[in-house]
Amino acid sequence: MTQYFSSDFKLGILGGGQLGKMLLYDTRKFDIQTYVMDPNPEAPSKIASNHFEVGDLMDYDKVMAFGKKVDVLTFEIESVNLNALEDLEALGKKVYPSAATLQKIQNKAVQKAFYERHHIPTADFKIFSDVKSLRETVSEKKINFPFVWKSSTGGYDGKGVSVIKSVDQLDLLPNVECIAESLVDFATEIAVIVSRSVSGEIKTYPVVEMEFHPEANQVEYVLCPARVSNSIANKARKLAHLVSSKFEHVGLLAIEMFVTKSDEVLVNEVAPRPHNSGHFSIEGSFTNQFEQHLRAILDLPLGSTESKSNSVMVNLVGGENHTGEVVYKGIEEILGMPGVTPHIYGKRETRPFRKMGHVNIIHSELHQARAIAETVKSKIKVISKTS
């Protein structure tokens, strides 16, 4: 068995943002040596890694050179050079999740076609090579308004997604490969984090409920457990298990789902990495999602996914009219509240709706945790220093 702890073993992480930074909490706990590459010379992960280098994650040569230095390679963002991952695997390097898994997920059109091929329930959709062909289909009245437009690549945190209600809105879209998806009349948006080890051990976390910011289209609150019936929760976890098995991923898979008003559960999107919907687990679970990702990719026994308590996560995003050096106004006040733990991501510059941190609230009563979360949201503001 490989000796991972206090040894010469090197774990490589492509991407040094907040997910990488939080993953490094647990590599430090286990004393696992880490190499990190990110295009930003001041990336949040820089301070906590053993070795940090600057590099474009889409640059084939940079990724190849970096991958050759480490024993196991993982990533905290999907925008990495797929050809480099494939060639590193051909050289015998361990890459988790694999290039084959990422290939099915990186492009949303490929991802949606994968669901259709494997009979995984999802919203009806059509794939278009560009906006011109989408416009032609709309003019032929083969798509009804409103519908959801999604860019096949490059979308995140509400970017690359729009609800299209009229022909005029098509003129505002970039001319890229895209998806037109039926607008789901959902009752609730939920998510399930699934962990799958190299040996195939699978565990799911409890179903969480996501509440979105109406303007930014970003998750504002995550509640664990979701306020859904046991039958819906069981259906969602069973579906998550199926999706995980079909993707044959190693590591974490975050699966976002819709619960319709007729109690159907539909898969929306997946992410093959630790995810915003799993941050509650840092204080709320016996094994947090970042430790679980490490256990899975190093083929160690998976930890318990049970919750210690009910929990709610609040995302901290940059104020609408604030750009510049960041100030967390009101953070001292929330630090004085029991069961409240802020996590600051290490980004020195704020801008409107940029994810700058999150706050976890632990309470034995979920409705109380949700109420405290709203108080936290009102008390802490992410603003710029010059304001």
Protein backbone atom coordinates (compact mmCIF):
# COMPACT_ATOMS: atom_id res chain seq x y z
CA MET A 1 0.00 0.00 0.00
CA THR A 2 1.24 3.50 -0.88
CA GLN A 3 2.34 5.58 2.09
CA TYR A 4 0.53 8.90 1.64
CA PHE A 5 1.16 10.44 5.05
CA SER A 6 4.39 12.25 6.03
CA SER A 7 6.08 10.82 2.95
CA ASP A 8 7.46 11.69 -0.49
CA PHE A 9 4.05 11.00 -2.10
CA LYS A 10 2.87 14.03 -4.11
CA LEU A 11 -0.77 14.93 -4.74
CA GLY A 12 -1.27 17.34 -7.64
CA ILE A 13 -4.26 19.70 -7.78
CA LEU A 14 -5.15 21.58 -10.96
CA GLY A 15 -6.79 24.81 -9.83
CA GLY A 16 -6.00 26.87 -6.77
CA GLY A 17 -9.31 28.59 -6.01
CA GLN A 18 -11.40 28.28 -2.88
CA LEU A 19 -12.20 24.59 -3.47
CA GLY A 20 -8.50 23.81 -3.68
CA LYS A 21 -7.86 25.90 -0.56
CA MET A 22 -10.50 23.98 1.41
CA LEU A 23 -9.15 20.65 0.10
CA LEU A 24 -5.77 21.69 1.48
CA TYR A 25 -7.25 21.97 5.01
CA ASP A 26 -7.47 18.19 4.94
CA THR A 27 -4.17 17.47 3.17
CA ARG A 28 -2.59 19.46 6.01
CA LYS A 29 -4.54 17.44 8.57
CA PHE A 30 -3.21 14.20 7.07
CA ASP A 31 0.25 15.67 6.21
CA ILE A 32 -0.08 14.83 2.50
CA GLN A 33 2.40 16.68 0.27
CA THR A 34 0.63 18.87 -2.32
CA TYR A 35 1.50 20.51 -5.64
CA VAL A 36 -0.94 23.12 -6.98
CA MET A 37 -1.11 24.93 -10.34
CA ASP A 38 -3.32 27.93 -11.06
CA PRO A 39 -3.17 30.82 -13.56
CA ASN A 40 -3.48 33.38 -10.75
CA PRO A 41 -0.16 34.07 -8.97
CA GLU A 42 -2.14 35.06 -5.85
CA ALA A 43 -4.58 32.12 -5.91
CA PRO A 44 -6.20 31.25 -2.54
CA SER A 45 -4.41 27.85 -2.46
CA LYS A 46 -0.93 29.34 -2.76
CA ILE A 47 -0.34 29.80 0.96
CA ALA A 48 -1.31 26.26 2.05
CA SER A 49 0.29 24.08 -0.63
CA ASN A 50 3.79 22.61 -0.40
CA HIS A 51 4.58 23.67 -3.96
CA PHE A 52 2.70 26.25 -6.03
CA GLU A 53 3.22 27.20 -9.65
CA VAL A 54 1.53 29.55 -12.07
CA GLY A 55 0.13 28.02 -15.24
CA ASP A 56 -2.82 28.05 -17.64
CA LEU A 57 -4.94 24.95 -16.94
CA MET A 58 -5.95 24.77 -20.62
CA ASP A 59 -2.29 24.82 -21.77
CA TYR A 60 -1.37 21.26 -22.86
CA ASP A 61 2.37 21.62 -22.19
CA LYS A 62 1.88 23.24 -18.76
CA VAL A 63 -0.54 20.53 -17.60
CA MET A 64 1.69 17.75 -18.95
CA ALA A 65 4.79 19.12 -17.21
CA PHE A 66 2.89 19.61 -13.96
CA GLY A 67 1.28 16.16 -14.06
CA LYS A 68 4.63 14.43 -14.49
CA LYS A 69 5.82 15.84 -11.15
CA VAL A 70 3.08 14.20 -9.05
CA ASP A 71 1.85 10.70 -8.17
CA VAL A 72 -1.91 11.33 -8.26
CA LEU A 73 -3.55 14.23 -10.09
CA THR A 74 -6.97 15.74 -9.33
CA PHE A 75 -8.70 19.03 -10.16
CA GLU A 76 -11.00 21.56 -8.52
CA ILE A 77 -12.39 23.02 -11.78
CA GLU A 78 -13.60 21.36 -14.99
CA SER A 79 -11.81 23.80 -17.35
CA VAL A 80 -8.59 21.82 -17.71
CA ASN A 81 -6.86 20.47 -20.81
CA LEU A 82 -8.49 17.12 -21.54
CA ASN A 83 -5.85 15.95 -24.05
CA ALA A 84 -3.12 16.44 -21.45
CA LEU A 85 -5.05 14.37 -18.89
CA GLU A 86 -5.52 11.59 -21.46
CA ASP A 87 -1.82 11.57 -22.34
CA LEU A 88 -0.78 11.60 -18.67
CA GLU A 89 -2.99 8.54 -18.11
CA ALA A 90 -1.33 6.87 -21.12
CA LEU A 91 2.02 7.44 -19.38
CA GLY A 92 0.68 5.62 -16.32
CA LYS A 93 -0.20 8.63 -14.18
CA LYS A 94 -3.24 8.28 -11.92
CA VAL A 95 -5.79 10.99 -12.75
CA TYR A 96 -9.00 11.14 -10.66
CA PRO A 97 -11.65 11.80 -11.81
CA SER A 98 -10.43 10.28 -15.09
CA ALA A 99 -10.17 12.07 -18.42
CA ALA A 100 -13.00 9.83 -19.70
CA THR A 101 -15.29 11.00 -16.87
CA LEU A 102 -14.39 14.66 -17.42
CA GLN A 103 -14.99 14.31 -21.18
CA LYS A 104 -18.61 13.35 -20.48
CA ILE A 105 -19.14 16.31 -18.12
CA GLN A 106 -16.97 19.21 -19.34
CA ASN A 107 -19.31 19.99 -22.25
CA LYS A 108 -22.95 20.36 -21.15
CA ALA A 109 -24.28 19.20 -24.52
CA VAL A 110 -22.27 15.97 -24.18
CA GLN A 111 -23.44 15.68 -20.58
CA LYS A 112 -27.14 16.01 -21.55
CA ALA A 113 -26.75 13.47 -24.36
CA PHE A 114 -25.17 11.11 -21.82
CA TYR A 115 -28.29 11.32 -19.62
CA GLU A 116 -30.52 10.60 -22.60
CA ARG A 117 -28.41 7.60 -23.65
CA HIS A 118 -28.47 6.10 -20.15
CA HIS A 119 -32.18 6.80 -19.49
CA ILE A 120 -31.39 9.22 -16.67
CA PRO A 121 -34.40 11.54 -16.18
CA THR A 122 -33.62 15.13 -17.18
CA ALA A 123 -35.42 18.12 -18.73
CA ASP A 124 -36.22 17.88 -22.47
CA PHE A 125 -33.51 19.55 -24.56
CA LYS A 126 -32.16 20.23 -28.02
CA ILE A 127 -28.49 20.83 -28.92
CA PHE A 128 -27.45 23.56 -31.38
CA SER A 129 -24.07 24.22 -33.01
CA ASP A 130 -24.63 27.98 -32.77
CA VAL A 131 -27.26 30.65 -32.10
CA LYS A 132 -28.08 30.94 -35.82
CA SER A 133 -29.40 27.37 -35.92
CA LEU A 134 -31.25 27.97 -32.63
CA ARG A 135 -32.89 31.07 -34.14
CA GLU A 136 -34.01 29.08 -37.20
CA THR A 137 -35.62 26.42 -34.99
CA VAL A 138 -37.37 29.11 -32.95
CA SER A 139 -38.69 30.77 -36.15
CA GLU A 140 -40.09 27.38 -37.24
CA LYS A 141 -41.93 27.30 -33.89
CA LYS A 142 -40.26 24.00 -32.92
CA ILE A 143 -39.31 25.51 -29.55
CA ASN A 144 -41.79 27.26 -27.31
CA PHE A 145 -41.08 30.28 -25.11
CA PRO A 146 -39.96 30.46 -22.39
CA PHE A 147 -37.00 28.07 -22.49
CA VAL A 148 -33.60 27.86 -20.80
CA TRP A 149 -30.53 28.64 -22.91
CA LYS A 150 -27.20 27.18 -21.78
CA SER A 151 -23.75 27.58 -23.27
CA SER A 152 -22.21 24.12 -23.80
CA THR A 153 -18.92 25.22 -22.27
CA GLY A 154 -17.62 27.93 -19.98
CA GLY A 155 -20.71 28.49 -17.83
CA TYR A 156 -20.52 28.72 -14.02
CA ASP A 157 -22.18 30.53 -11.10
CA GLY A 158 -25.16 31.60 -13.18
CA LYS A 159 -23.05 32.67 -16.19
CA GLY A 160 -23.76 31.00 -19.52
CA VAL A 161 -27.41 30.42 -18.54
CA SER A 162 -30.45 32.55 -19.49
CA VAL A 163 -34.22 32.14 -19.48
CA ILE A 164 -35.31 33.16 -22.99
CA LYS A 165 -38.78 34.69 -23.17
CA SER A 166 -38.70 36.42 -26.57
CA VAL A 167 -36.94 36.42 -29.97
CA ASP A 168 -35.20 39.72 -29.11
CA GLN A 169 -33.20 38.02 -26.34
CA LEU A 170 -31.54 35.72 -28.89
CA ASP A 171 -29.59 38.74 -30.24
CA LEU A 172 -27.87 39.09 -26.86
CA LEU A 173 -26.50 35.53 -26.81
CA PRO A 174 -22.93 34.61 -27.79
CA ASN A 175 -22.70 32.62 -31.04
CA VAL A 176 -21.50 29.35 -29.49
CA GLU A 177 -22.63 25.73 -29.23
CA CYS A 178 -25.58 25.67 -26.85
CA ILE A 179 -28.57 23.85 -25.44
CA ALA A 180 -32.22 24.89 -25.44
CA GLU A 181 -33.86 23.20 -22.47
CA SER A 182 -37.51 23.03 -21.47
CA LEU A 183 -38.27 25.24 -18.49
CA VAL A 184 -39.04 22.86 -15.62
CA ASP A 185 -41.97 23.86 -13.40
CA PHE A 186 -40.16 22.67 -10.28
CA ALA A 187 -41.18 22.79 -6.65
CA THR A 188 -37.66 22.55 -5.19
CA GLU A 189 -34.03 22.43 -6.31
CA ILE A 190 -31.98 19.82 -4.49
CA ALA A 191 -28.51 18.29 -4.69
CA VAL A 192 -26.76 15.10 -3.63
CA ILE A 193 -23.00 14.68 -3.20
CA VAL A 194 -21.82 11.17 -4.09
CA SER A 195 -18.38 9.81 -3.27
CA ARG A 196 -16.92 6.86 -5.18
CA SER A 197 -13.51 5.36 -4.43
CA VAL A 198 -10.99 3.76 -6.81
CA SER A 199 -12.23 0.35 -5.57
CA GLY A 200 -15.85 1.30 -6.32
CA GLU A 201 -17.12 1.96 -2.77
CA ILE A 202 -20.01 4.45 -3.06
CA LYS A 203 -21.59 6.67 -0.41
CA THR A 204 -24.13 9.49 -0.73
CA TYR A 205 -24.55 12.49 1.54
CA PRO A 206 -28.03 13.53 2.72
CA VAL A 207 -30.13 15.42 0.17
CA VAL A 208 -29.73 19.19 0.46
CA GLU A 209 -32.09 21.95 -0.64
CA MET A 210 -30.83 24.96 -2.59
CA GLU A 211 -32.34 28.42 -2.54
CA PHE A 212 -31.18 30.72 -5.35
CA HIS A 213 -30.60 34.48 -5.50
CA PRO A 214 -33.25 35.80 -7.94
CA GLU A 215 -30.91 38.21 -9.79
CA ALA A 216 -27.51 36.51 -9.78
CA ASN A 217 -28.89 32.97 -10.38
CA GLN A 218 -26.42 31.76 -7.73
CA VAL A 219 -27.12 29.53 -4.75
CA GLU A 220 -27.82 31.78 -1.76
CA TYR A 221 -28.67 29.18 0.93
CA VAL A 222 -28.10 25.42 1.19
CA LEU A 223 -30.20 23.53 3.77
CA CYS A 224 -29.31 20.09 5.11
CA PRO A 225 -31.44 18.08 5.20
CA ALA A 226 -33.70 19.21 2.35
CA ARG A 227 -37.29 19.95 3.32
CA VAL A 228 -38.69 17.12 1.19
CA SER A 229 -40.51 13.88 2.03
CA ASN A 230 -38.59 10.71 2.83
CA SER A 231 -39.82 9.15 -0.42
CA ILE A 232 -38.40 12.06 -2.48
CA ALA A 233 -35.12 11.97 -0.53
CA ASN A 234 -34.79 8.21 -1.09
CA LYS A 235 -35.62 8.61 -4.78
CA ALA A 236 -32.97 11.35 -5.13
CA ARG A 237 -30.25 9.33 -3.39
CA LYS A 238 -31.09 6.25 -5.48
CA LEU A 239 -30.91 8.36 -8.66
CA ALA A 240 -27.58 9.86 -7.50
CA HIS A 241 -26.21 6.34 -7.00
CA LEU A 242 -27.28 5.43 -10.56
CA VAL A 243 -25.70 8.56 -12.06
CA SER A 244 -22.46 7.93 -10.16
CA SER A 245 -22.30 4.34 -11.41
CA LYS A 246 -22.93 5.36 -15.04
CA PHE A 247 -20.21 8.05 -14.98
CA GLU A 248 -17.81 5.61 -13.28
CA HIS A 249 -16.17 8.62 -11.64
CA VAL A 250 -13.62 8.46 -8.84
CA GLY A 251 -13.81 11.20 -6.21
CA LEU A 252 -16.84 13.38 -5.63
CA LEU A 253 -19.77 13.96 -7.95
CA ALA A 254 -22.18 16.77 -7.07
CA ILE A 255 -25.57 16.17 -8.69
CA GLU A 256 -28.03 19.06 -8.93
CA MET A 257 -31.67 18.02 -9.37
CA PHE A 258 -35.18 19.42 -9.78
CA VAL A 259 -38.17 18.09 -7.85
CA THR A 260 -41.23 18.78 -10.00
CA LYS A 261 -44.66 19.64 -8.65
CA SER A 262 -45.71 16.08 -9.56
CA ASP A 263 -42.83 14.67 -7.42
CA GLU A 264 -40.59 13.63 -10.31
CA VAL A 265 -36.85 13.97 -9.70
CA LEU A 266 -34.84 15.20 -12.71
CA VAL A 267 -31.06 15.56 -13.02
CA ASN A 268 -30.06 19.10 -13.97
CA GLU A 269 -26.24 19.14 -13.99
CA VAL A 270 -23.28 17.44 -12.34
CA ALA A 271 -19.81 18.58 -11.22
CA PRO A 272 -16.99 16.01 -10.74
CA ARG A 273 -15.40 17.68 -7.70
CA PRO A 274 -16.18 19.19 -4.30
CA HIS A 275 -19.09 21.61 -4.72
CA ASN A 276 -20.82 24.61 -3.19
CA SER A 277 -23.77 22.39 -2.24
CA GLY A 278 -21.45 20.31 -0.04
CA HIS A 279 -19.87 23.10 2.04
CA PHE A 280 -22.36 22.45 4.87
CA SER A 281 -20.40 19.25 5.54
CA ILE A 282 -17.34 21.09 6.91
CA GLU A 283 -19.10 21.68 10.24
CA GLY A 284 -22.23 19.59 9.66
CA SER A 285 -20.96 16.09 8.76
CA PHE A 286 -18.78 13.45 10.37
CA THR A 287 -16.67 13.45 7.17
CA ASN A 288 -16.59 16.68 5.19
CA GLN A 289 -16.72 16.56 1.39
CA PHE A 290 -13.05 17.54 0.96
CA GLU A 291 -11.74 14.78 3.21
CA GLN A 292 -14.08 12.37 1.43
CA HIS A 293 -12.67 13.40 -1.96
CA LEU A 294 -9.16 12.62 -0.69
CA ARG A 295 -10.25 9.27 0.72
CA ALA A 296 -11.89 8.37 -2.61
CA ILE A 297 -9.01 9.32 -4.95
CA LEU A 298 -6.41 7.68 -2.66
CA ASP A 299 -8.57 4.52 -2.35
CA LEU A 300 -8.88 4.81 1.42
CA PRO A 301 -12.06 3.68 3.24
CA LEU A 302 -14.81 6.27 2.74
CA GLY A 303 -15.90 8.14 5.87
CA SER A 304 -19.37 8.42 7.37
CA THR A 305 -21.64 10.81 5.45
CA GLU A 306 -24.07 11.18 8.36
CA SER A 307 -24.83 14.66 9.67
CA LYS A 308 -23.80 15.71 13.18
CA SER A 309 -26.61 18.25 13.19
CA ASN A 310 -28.93 20.19 10.93
CA SER A 311 -27.11 22.90 9.03
CA VAL A 312 -27.57 25.81 6.65
CA MET A 313 -24.90 27.40 4.46
CA VAL A 314 -25.00 31.03 3.34
CA ASN A 315 -22.89 32.12 0.38
CA LEU A 316 -20.97 35.39 0.83
CA VAL A 317 -20.79 37.22 -2.50
CA GLY A 318 -19.53 40.64 -3.46
CA GLY A 319 -21.98 43.51 -3.03
CA GLU A 320 -23.65 44.75 -6.22
CA ASN A 321 -21.91 48.12 -6.40
CA HIS A 322 -18.54 47.14 -4.97
CA THR A 323 -15.31 46.48 -6.86
CA GLY A 324 -11.86 46.62 -5.30
CA GLU A 325 -10.01 45.60 -2.15
CA VAL A 326 -12.40 43.55 -0.01
CA VAL A 327 -13.79 44.36 3.43
CA TYR A 328 -16.03 41.94 5.38
CA LYS A 329 -18.30 44.39 7.19
CA GLY A 330 -20.05 42.91 10.23
CA ILE A 331 -17.94 39.74 10.48
CA GLU A 332 -17.13 40.37 14.14
CA GLU A 333 -20.84 40.41 14.96
CA ILE A 334 -21.56 37.05 13.34
CA LEU A 335 -18.47 35.52 15.02
CA GLY A 336 -20.22 36.21 18.32
CA MET A 337 -23.23 34.09 17.34
CA PRO A 338 -23.29 30.43 18.56
CA GLY A 339 -23.12 27.75 15.87
CA VAL A 340 -21.97 30.24 13.21
CA THR A 341 -18.66 29.66 11.36
CA PRO A 342 -17.48 31.89 8.49
CA HIS A 343 -15.12 30.58 5.80
CA ILE A 344 -13.20 33.27 3.91
CA TYR A 345 -11.83 32.23 0.53
CA GLY A 346 -8.69 34.36 0.34
CA LYS A 347 -9.64 36.59 -2.61
CA ARG A 348 -8.29 40.08 -1.98
CA GLU A 349 -10.44 41.74 -4.67
CA THR A 350 -14.23 41.80 -4.59
CA ARG A 351 -16.63 42.45 -7.45
CA PRO A 352 -20.42 42.17 -7.79
CA PHE A 353 -21.68 38.62 -7.03
CA ARG A 354 -18.17 37.13 -6.87
CA LYS A 355 -18.05 34.22 -4.40
CA MET A 356 -15.89 35.49 -1.55
CA GLY A 357 -16.75 33.05 1.24
CA HIS A 358 -19.55 31.21 2.97
CA VAL A 359 -20.95 30.85 6.47
CA ASN A 360 -22.12 27.57 8.03
CA ILE A 361 -24.83 27.61 10.69
CA ILE A 362 -25.34 24.55 12.89
CA HIS A 363 -28.52 24.10 14.96
CA SER A 364 -30.56 21.16 16.22
CA GLU A 365 -33.68 22.69 14.59
CA LEU A 366 -33.49 23.27 10.84
CA HIS A 367 -36.00 26.14 10.84
CA GLN A 368 -33.91 27.89 13.51
CA ALA A 369 -30.73 27.40 11.46
CA ARG A 370 -32.52 28.90 8.44
CA ALA A 371 -33.66 31.91 10.50
CA ILE A 372 -30.13 32.47 11.84
CA ALA A 373 -28.82 32.23 8.26
CA GLU A 374 -31.08 35.09 7.25
CA THR A 375 -29.83 37.17 10.20
CA VAL A 376 -26.23 36.37 9.20
CA LYS A 377 -26.99 37.43 5.62
CA SER A 378 -28.34 40.78 6.84
CA LYS A 379 -25.42 41.47 9.21
CA ILE A 380 -22.39 40.67 7.05
CA LYS A 381 -21.68 42.62 3.86
CA VAL A 382 -18.91 42.04 1.35
CA ILE A 383 -17.89 45.51 0.22
CA SER A 384 -14.86 47.28 -1.25
CA LYS A 385 -12.45 49.28 0.89
CA THR A 386 -12.90 52.55 -1.00
CA SER A 387 -16.68 52.60 -0.37
